[in-house]
Amino acid sequence: MEKSIIHSLSLYDEYQTLPILLIISIEGYLNEEIKSKFRSNEGSFLMEANCQFCANRCCVMSSESILGSIDEYPLDKLVALAYCFIDAENSSHRDDPTIKSFFDLINE
């Protein structure tokens, strides 16, 4: 998270606008206290934290937050992207067109 803040502030220095951060948490949260800082909107796979000092929005995706969305076909593009990072080796969604396109990009 610290590196994200540093990069956000350097982007602000260069472009005079705060970015939107998307963090894909591959290994989950360090602890429940950190997890409690993020709120989720019902029906959304994005969890958000208040980080007005370094970003317009700070969104986190984790295996837990996308769990309710991985049974959709085709997968939402952001869910598919997070899924590739979080569980690419064990992917049961290799036939999903979005997942296929990500793997094709990776293998180019």
N, C-alpha and C. Protein backbone atom coordinates (compact mmCIF):
# COMPACT_ATOMS: atom_id res chain seq x y z
N MET A 1 0.83 -1.18 0.00
CA MET A 1 0.00 0.00 0.00
C MET A 1 0.89 1.26 0.00
N GLU A 2 2.00 1.18 0.71
CA GLU A 2 2.90 2.32 0.78
C GLU A 2 3.41 2.72 -0.60
N LYS A 3 3.78 1.74 -1.42
CA LYS A 3 4.26 2.04 -2.77
C LYS A 3 3.15 2.65 -3.61
N SER A 4 1.93 2.20 -3.40
CA SER A 4 0.79 2.75 -4.14
C SER A 4 0.62 4.24 -3.83
N ILE A 5 0.79 4.59 -2.57
CA ILE A 5 0.66 5.99 -2.17
C ILE A 5 1.77 6.82 -2.81
N ILE A 6 2.98 6.31 -2.78
CA ILE A 6 4.12 7.02 -3.37
C ILE A 6 3.90 7.24 -4.87
N HIS A 7 3.46 6.18 -5.57
CA HIS A 7 3.21 6.31 -7.01
C HIS A 7 2.06 7.27 -7.30
N SER A 8 1.03 7.23 -6.48
CA SER A 8 -0.11 8.14 -6.66
C SER A 8 0.32 9.59 -6.53
N LEU A 9 1.13 9.86 -5.53
CA LEU A 9 1.58 11.24 -5.32
C LEU A 9 2.51 11.70 -6.43
N SER A 10 3.31 10.79 -6.98
CA SER A 10 4.17 11.19 -8.10
C SER A 10 3.33 11.45 -9.36
N LEU A 11 2.26 10.70 -9.54
CA LEU A 11 1.34 10.97 -10.65
C LEU A 11 0.67 12.33 -10.47
N TYR A 12 0.31 12.63 -9.23
CA TYR A 12 -0.30 13.94 -8.97
C TYR A 12 0.69 15.06 -9.30
N ASP A 13 1.94 14.89 -8.89
CA ASP A 13 2.96 15.91 -9.20
C ASP A 13 3.07 16.15 -10.70
N GLU A 14 2.97 15.07 -11.47
CA GLU A 14 3.15 15.19 -12.92
C GLU A 14 1.90 15.69 -13.64
N TYR A 15 0.72 15.21 -13.23
CA TYR A 15 -0.51 15.51 -13.99
C TYR A 15 -1.51 16.39 -13.24
N GLN A 16 -1.25 16.75 -12.00
CA GLN A 16 -2.13 17.57 -11.17
C GLN A 16 -3.54 16.99 -11.02
N THR A 17 -3.63 15.70 -11.01
CA THR A 17 -4.89 15.03 -10.72
C THR A 17 -4.59 13.73 -9.98
N LEU A 18 -5.46 13.39 -9.06
CA LEU A 18 -5.26 12.16 -8.31
C LEU A 18 -5.77 10.96 -9.12
N PRO A 19 -5.06 9.84 -9.08
CA PRO A 19 -5.47 8.66 -9.85
C PRO A 19 -6.55 7.86 -9.12
N ILE A 20 -7.05 6.87 -9.81
CA ILE A 20 -7.90 5.85 -9.21
C ILE A 20 -7.01 4.63 -9.02
N LEU A 21 -6.89 4.17 -7.78
CA LEU A 21 -6.06 3.01 -7.48
C LEU A 21 -6.89 1.74 -7.53
N LEU A 22 -6.36 0.73 -8.18
CA LEU A 22 -6.96 -0.59 -8.15
C LEU A 22 -5.88 -1.53 -7.65
N ILE A 23 -6.12 -2.11 -6.48
CA ILE A 23 -5.18 -3.03 -5.88
C ILE A 23 -5.78 -4.42 -5.96
N ILE A 24 -5.02 -5.34 -6.53
CA ILE A 24 -5.46 -6.74 -6.59
C ILE A 24 -4.64 -7.47 -5.53
N SER A 25 -5.32 -7.86 -4.47
CA SER A 25 -4.66 -8.50 -3.34
C SER A 25 -4.56 -10.00 -3.60
N ILE A 26 -3.37 -10.44 -3.97
CA ILE A 26 -3.16 -11.83 -4.35
C ILE A 26 -3.21 -12.76 -3.14
N GLU A 27 -2.68 -12.31 -2.03
CA GLU A 27 -2.62 -13.16 -0.84
C GLU A 27 -3.60 -12.75 0.25
N GLY A 28 -4.59 -11.96 -0.09
CA GLY A 28 -5.57 -11.55 0.90
C GLY A 28 -5.08 -10.39 1.75
N TYR A 29 -5.67 -10.22 2.91
CA TYR A 29 -5.34 -9.11 3.80
C TYR A 29 -4.37 -9.59 4.87
N LEU A 30 -3.53 -8.67 5.35
CA LEU A 30 -2.57 -9.02 6.39
C LEU A 30 -3.28 -9.39 7.69
N ASN A 31 -4.35 -8.68 8.00
CA ASN A 31 -5.10 -8.99 9.21
C ASN A 31 -6.50 -8.39 9.12
N GLU A 32 -7.32 -8.74 10.09
CA GLU A 32 -8.72 -8.28 10.09
C GLU A 32 -8.83 -6.78 10.28
N GLU A 33 -7.87 -6.17 10.98
CA GLU A 33 -7.92 -4.73 11.19
C GLU A 33 -7.78 -3.98 9.86
N ILE A 34 -6.85 -4.42 9.03
CA ILE A 34 -6.68 -3.79 7.71
C ILE A 34 -7.92 -4.04 6.87
N LYS A 35 -8.41 -5.27 6.88
CA LYS A 35 -9.61 -5.60 6.10
C LYS A 35 -10.80 -4.74 6.51
N SER A 36 -10.90 -4.42 7.79
CA SER A 36 -12.03 -3.63 8.28
C SER A 36 -12.01 -2.19 7.77
N LYS A 37 -10.88 -1.72 7.27
CA LYS A 37 -10.77 -0.37 6.74
C LYS A 37 -11.43 -0.24 5.37
N PHE A 38 -11.68 -1.36 4.70
CA PHE A 38 -12.29 -1.36 3.38
C PHE A 38 -13.77 -1.69 3.50
N ARG A 39 -14.58 -0.97 2.76
CA ARG A 39 -16.03 -1.24 2.78
C ARG A 39 -16.44 -1.79 1.41
N SER A 40 -17.44 -2.63 1.43
CA SER A 40 -17.91 -3.16 0.16
C SER A 40 -19.36 -2.73 -0.04
N ASN A 41 -19.68 -2.46 -1.29
CA ASN A 41 -21.06 -2.15 -1.65
C ASN A 41 -21.72 -3.45 -2.06
N GLU A 42 -22.94 -3.65 -1.64
CA GLU A 42 -23.63 -4.90 -1.95
C GLU A 42 -23.70 -5.10 -3.46
N GLY A 43 -23.36 -6.29 -3.88
CA GLY A 43 -23.40 -6.63 -5.30
C GLY A 43 -22.15 -6.22 -6.06
N SER A 44 -21.18 -5.60 -5.37
CA SER A 44 -19.96 -5.17 -6.04
C SER A 44 -18.79 -6.05 -5.60
N PHE A 45 -17.89 -6.29 -6.52
CA PHE A 45 -16.70 -7.07 -6.21
C PHE A 45 -15.54 -6.16 -5.82
N LEU A 46 -15.76 -4.85 -5.81
CA LEU A 46 -14.74 -3.89 -5.39
C LEU A 46 -14.97 -3.46 -3.95
N MET A 47 -13.92 -3.51 -3.17
CA MET A 47 -13.97 -2.96 -1.82
C MET A 47 -13.22 -1.63 -1.87
N GLU A 48 -13.73 -0.63 -1.16
CA GLU A 48 -13.12 0.70 -1.22
C GLU A 48 -12.67 1.18 0.16
N ALA A 49 -11.61 1.97 0.14
CA ALA A 49 -11.11 2.61 1.35
C ALA A 49 -11.04 4.10 1.11
N ASN A 50 -11.13 4.85 2.19
CA ASN A 50 -11.01 6.29 2.10
C ASN A 50 -9.52 6.63 1.99
N CYS A 51 -9.14 7.19 0.88
CA CYS A 51 -7.74 7.59 0.68
C CYS A 51 -7.70 8.89 -0.11
N GLN A 52 -8.53 9.84 0.30
CA GLN A 52 -8.65 11.10 -0.41
C GLN A 52 -7.35 11.87 -0.52
N PHE A 53 -6.40 11.58 0.35
CA PHE A 53 -5.13 12.29 0.32
C PHE A 53 -4.21 11.82 -0.81
N CYS A 54 -4.50 10.64 -1.39
CA CYS A 54 -3.59 10.14 -2.43
C CYS A 54 -4.29 9.62 -3.68
N ALA A 55 -5.63 9.53 -3.67
CA ALA A 55 -6.35 8.99 -4.84
C ALA A 55 -7.80 9.44 -4.83
N ASN A 56 -8.38 9.51 -6.04
CA ASN A 56 -9.82 9.79 -6.13
C ASN A 56 -10.62 8.63 -5.56
N ARG A 57 -10.17 7.43 -5.86
CA ARG A 57 -10.78 6.20 -5.34
C ARG A 57 -9.67 5.19 -5.10
N CYS A 58 -9.84 4.38 -4.09
CA CYS A 58 -8.90 3.29 -3.81
C CYS A 58 -9.73 2.02 -3.68
N CYS A 59 -9.63 1.16 -4.68
CA CYS A 59 -10.41 -0.07 -4.73
C CYS A 59 -9.50 -1.28 -4.58
N VAL A 60 -10.00 -2.28 -3.88
CA VAL A 60 -9.25 -3.52 -3.69
C VAL A 60 -10.12 -4.67 -4.16
N MET A 61 -9.47 -5.60 -4.84
CA MET A 61 -10.12 -6.84 -5.23
C MET A 61 -9.30 -7.98 -4.62
N SER A 62 -9.99 -8.95 -4.04
CA SER A 62 -9.33 -10.10 -3.44
C SER A 62 -10.13 -11.35 -3.81
N SER A 63 -9.57 -12.49 -3.48
CA SER A 63 -10.31 -13.73 -3.78
C SER A 63 -11.66 -13.72 -3.07
N GLU A 64 -11.72 -13.13 -1.89
CA GLU A 64 -12.97 -13.05 -1.15
C GLU A 64 -13.98 -12.11 -1.82
N SER A 65 -13.49 -10.98 -2.33
CA SER A 65 -14.42 -10.00 -2.90
C SER A 65 -14.97 -10.42 -4.26
N ILE A 66 -14.23 -11.25 -5.00
CA ILE A 66 -14.72 -11.67 -6.33
C ILE A 66 -15.46 -12.99 -6.27
N LEU A 67 -15.49 -13.63 -5.11
CA LEU A 67 -16.09 -14.95 -4.97
C LEU A 67 -17.52 -15.03 -5.52
N GLY A 68 -18.32 -14.00 -5.27
CA GLY A 68 -19.70 -14.00 -5.73
C GLY A 68 -19.85 -13.73 -7.22
N SER A 69 -18.76 -13.38 -7.90
CA SER A 69 -18.83 -13.02 -9.32
C SER A 69 -18.13 -14.00 -10.24
N ILE A 70 -17.48 -15.03 -9.70
CA ILE A 70 -16.70 -15.92 -10.57
C ILE A 70 -17.53 -17.01 -11.22
N ASP A 71 -18.81 -17.07 -10.89
CA ASP A 71 -19.67 -18.07 -11.54
C ASP A 71 -20.42 -17.49 -12.73
N GLU A 72 -20.24 -16.20 -13.00
CA GLU A 72 -20.90 -15.58 -14.15
C GLU A 72 -20.16 -15.96 -15.43
N TYR A 73 -20.90 -16.03 -16.52
CA TYR A 73 -20.27 -16.33 -17.81
C TYR A 73 -20.84 -15.38 -18.85
N PRO A 74 -20.04 -14.64 -19.56
CA PRO A 74 -18.60 -14.51 -19.35
C PRO A 74 -18.31 -13.68 -18.11
N LEU A 75 -17.11 -13.81 -17.60
CA LEU A 75 -16.70 -13.05 -16.43
C LEU A 75 -16.60 -11.57 -16.76
N ASP A 76 -16.92 -10.73 -15.78
CA ASP A 76 -16.66 -9.31 -15.90
C ASP A 76 -15.15 -9.14 -16.13
N LYS A 77 -14.77 -8.18 -16.94
CA LYS A 77 -13.35 -8.02 -17.31
C LYS A 77 -12.45 -7.77 -16.10
N LEU A 78 -12.90 -6.94 -15.15
CA LEU A 78 -12.09 -6.71 -13.95
C LEU A 78 -12.00 -7.95 -13.08
N VAL A 79 -13.10 -8.69 -12.96
CA VAL A 79 -13.09 -9.94 -12.20
C VAL A 79 -12.14 -10.93 -12.86
N ALA A 80 -12.18 -11.01 -14.18
CA ALA A 80 -11.29 -11.93 -14.91
C ALA A 80 -9.83 -11.55 -14.70
N LEU A 81 -9.54 -10.25 -14.75
CA LEU A 81 -8.17 -9.79 -14.54
C LEU A 81 -7.69 -10.18 -13.13
N ALA A 82 -8.50 -9.88 -12.13
CA ALA A 82 -8.12 -10.24 -10.75
C ALA A 82 -7.96 -11.74 -10.61
N TYR A 83 -8.87 -12.49 -11.22
CA TYR A 83 -8.83 -13.94 -11.14
C TYR A 83 -7.53 -14.50 -11.75
N CYS A 84 -7.08 -13.88 -12.84
CA CYS A 84 -5.82 -14.31 -13.46
C CYS A 84 -4.65 -14.14 -12.49
N PHE A 85 -4.63 -13.04 -11.76
CA PHE A 85 -3.55 -12.80 -10.79
C PHE A 85 -3.68 -13.70 -9.57
N ILE A 86 -4.90 -13.85 -9.07
CA ILE A 86 -5.13 -14.55 -7.81
C ILE A 86 -5.04 -16.06 -7.96
N ASP A 87 -5.62 -16.61 -9.03
CA ASP A 87 -5.73 -18.06 -9.13
C ASP A 87 -5.49 -18.58 -10.54
N ALA A 88 -4.54 -18.01 -11.24
CA ALA A 88 -4.30 -18.39 -12.64
C ALA A 88 -3.91 -19.85 -12.78
N GLU A 89 -3.09 -20.36 -11.89
CA GLU A 89 -2.61 -21.74 -12.02
C GLU A 89 -3.72 -22.77 -11.85
N ASN A 90 -4.71 -22.44 -11.03
CA ASN A 90 -5.79 -23.38 -10.76
C ASN A 90 -7.10 -22.99 -11.44
N SER A 91 -6.99 -22.16 -12.45
CA SER A 91 -8.19 -21.59 -13.06
C SER A 91 -9.11 -22.66 -13.64
N SER A 92 -10.35 -22.61 -13.19
CA SER A 92 -11.38 -23.48 -13.76
C SER A 92 -12.16 -22.72 -14.83
N HIS A 93 -11.71 -21.52 -15.14
CA HIS A 93 -12.38 -20.66 -16.11
C HIS A 93 -11.57 -20.47 -17.38
N ARG A 94 -10.74 -21.41 -17.72
CA ARG A 94 -9.89 -21.25 -18.90
C ARG A 94 -10.70 -21.16 -20.20
N ASP A 95 -11.96 -21.59 -20.18
CA ASP A 95 -12.78 -21.50 -21.39
C ASP A 95 -13.51 -20.15 -21.49
N ASP A 96 -13.43 -19.31 -20.45
CA ASP A 96 -14.06 -18.00 -20.48
C ASP A 96 -13.33 -17.13 -21.51
N PRO A 97 -14.07 -16.45 -22.40
CA PRO A 97 -13.42 -15.66 -23.45
C PRO A 97 -12.50 -14.56 -22.93
N THR A 98 -12.86 -13.94 -21.81
CA THR A 98 -12.02 -12.89 -21.26
C THR A 98 -10.72 -13.48 -20.70
N ILE A 99 -10.83 -14.58 -19.98
CA ILE A 99 -9.64 -15.26 -19.45
C ILE A 99 -8.75 -15.70 -20.61
N LYS A 100 -9.35 -16.26 -21.65
CA LYS A 100 -8.56 -16.69 -22.83
C LYS A 100 -7.80 -15.52 -23.43
N SER A 101 -8.46 -14.37 -23.56
CA SER A 101 -7.78 -13.22 -24.16
C SER A 101 -6.63 -12.74 -23.28
N PHE A 102 -6.78 -12.80 -21.95
CA PHE A 102 -5.68 -12.43 -21.06
C PHE A 102 -4.51 -13.39 -21.22
N PHE A 103 -4.80 -14.69 -21.25
CA PHE A 103 -3.72 -15.67 -21.43
C PHE A 103 -3.05 -15.51 -22.79
N ASP A 104 -3.82 -15.18 -23.82
CA ASP A 104 -3.23 -14.94 -25.14
C ASP A 104 -2.28 -13.74 -25.10
N LEU A 105 -2.69 -12.68 -24.41
CA LEU A 105 -1.83 -11.50 -24.27
C LEU A 105 -0.54 -11.84 -23.54
N ILE A 106 -0.67 -12.63 -22.48
CA ILE A 106 0.49 -13.01 -21.68
C ILE A 106 1.45 -13.84 -22.50
N ASN A 107 0.93 -14.72 -23.34
CA ASN A 107 1.77 -15.64 -24.11
C ASN A 107 2.34 -15.06 -25.38
N GLU A 108 1.99 -13.82 -25.72
CA GLU A 108 2.52 -13.20 -26.95
C GLU A 108 3.97 -12.85 -26.80
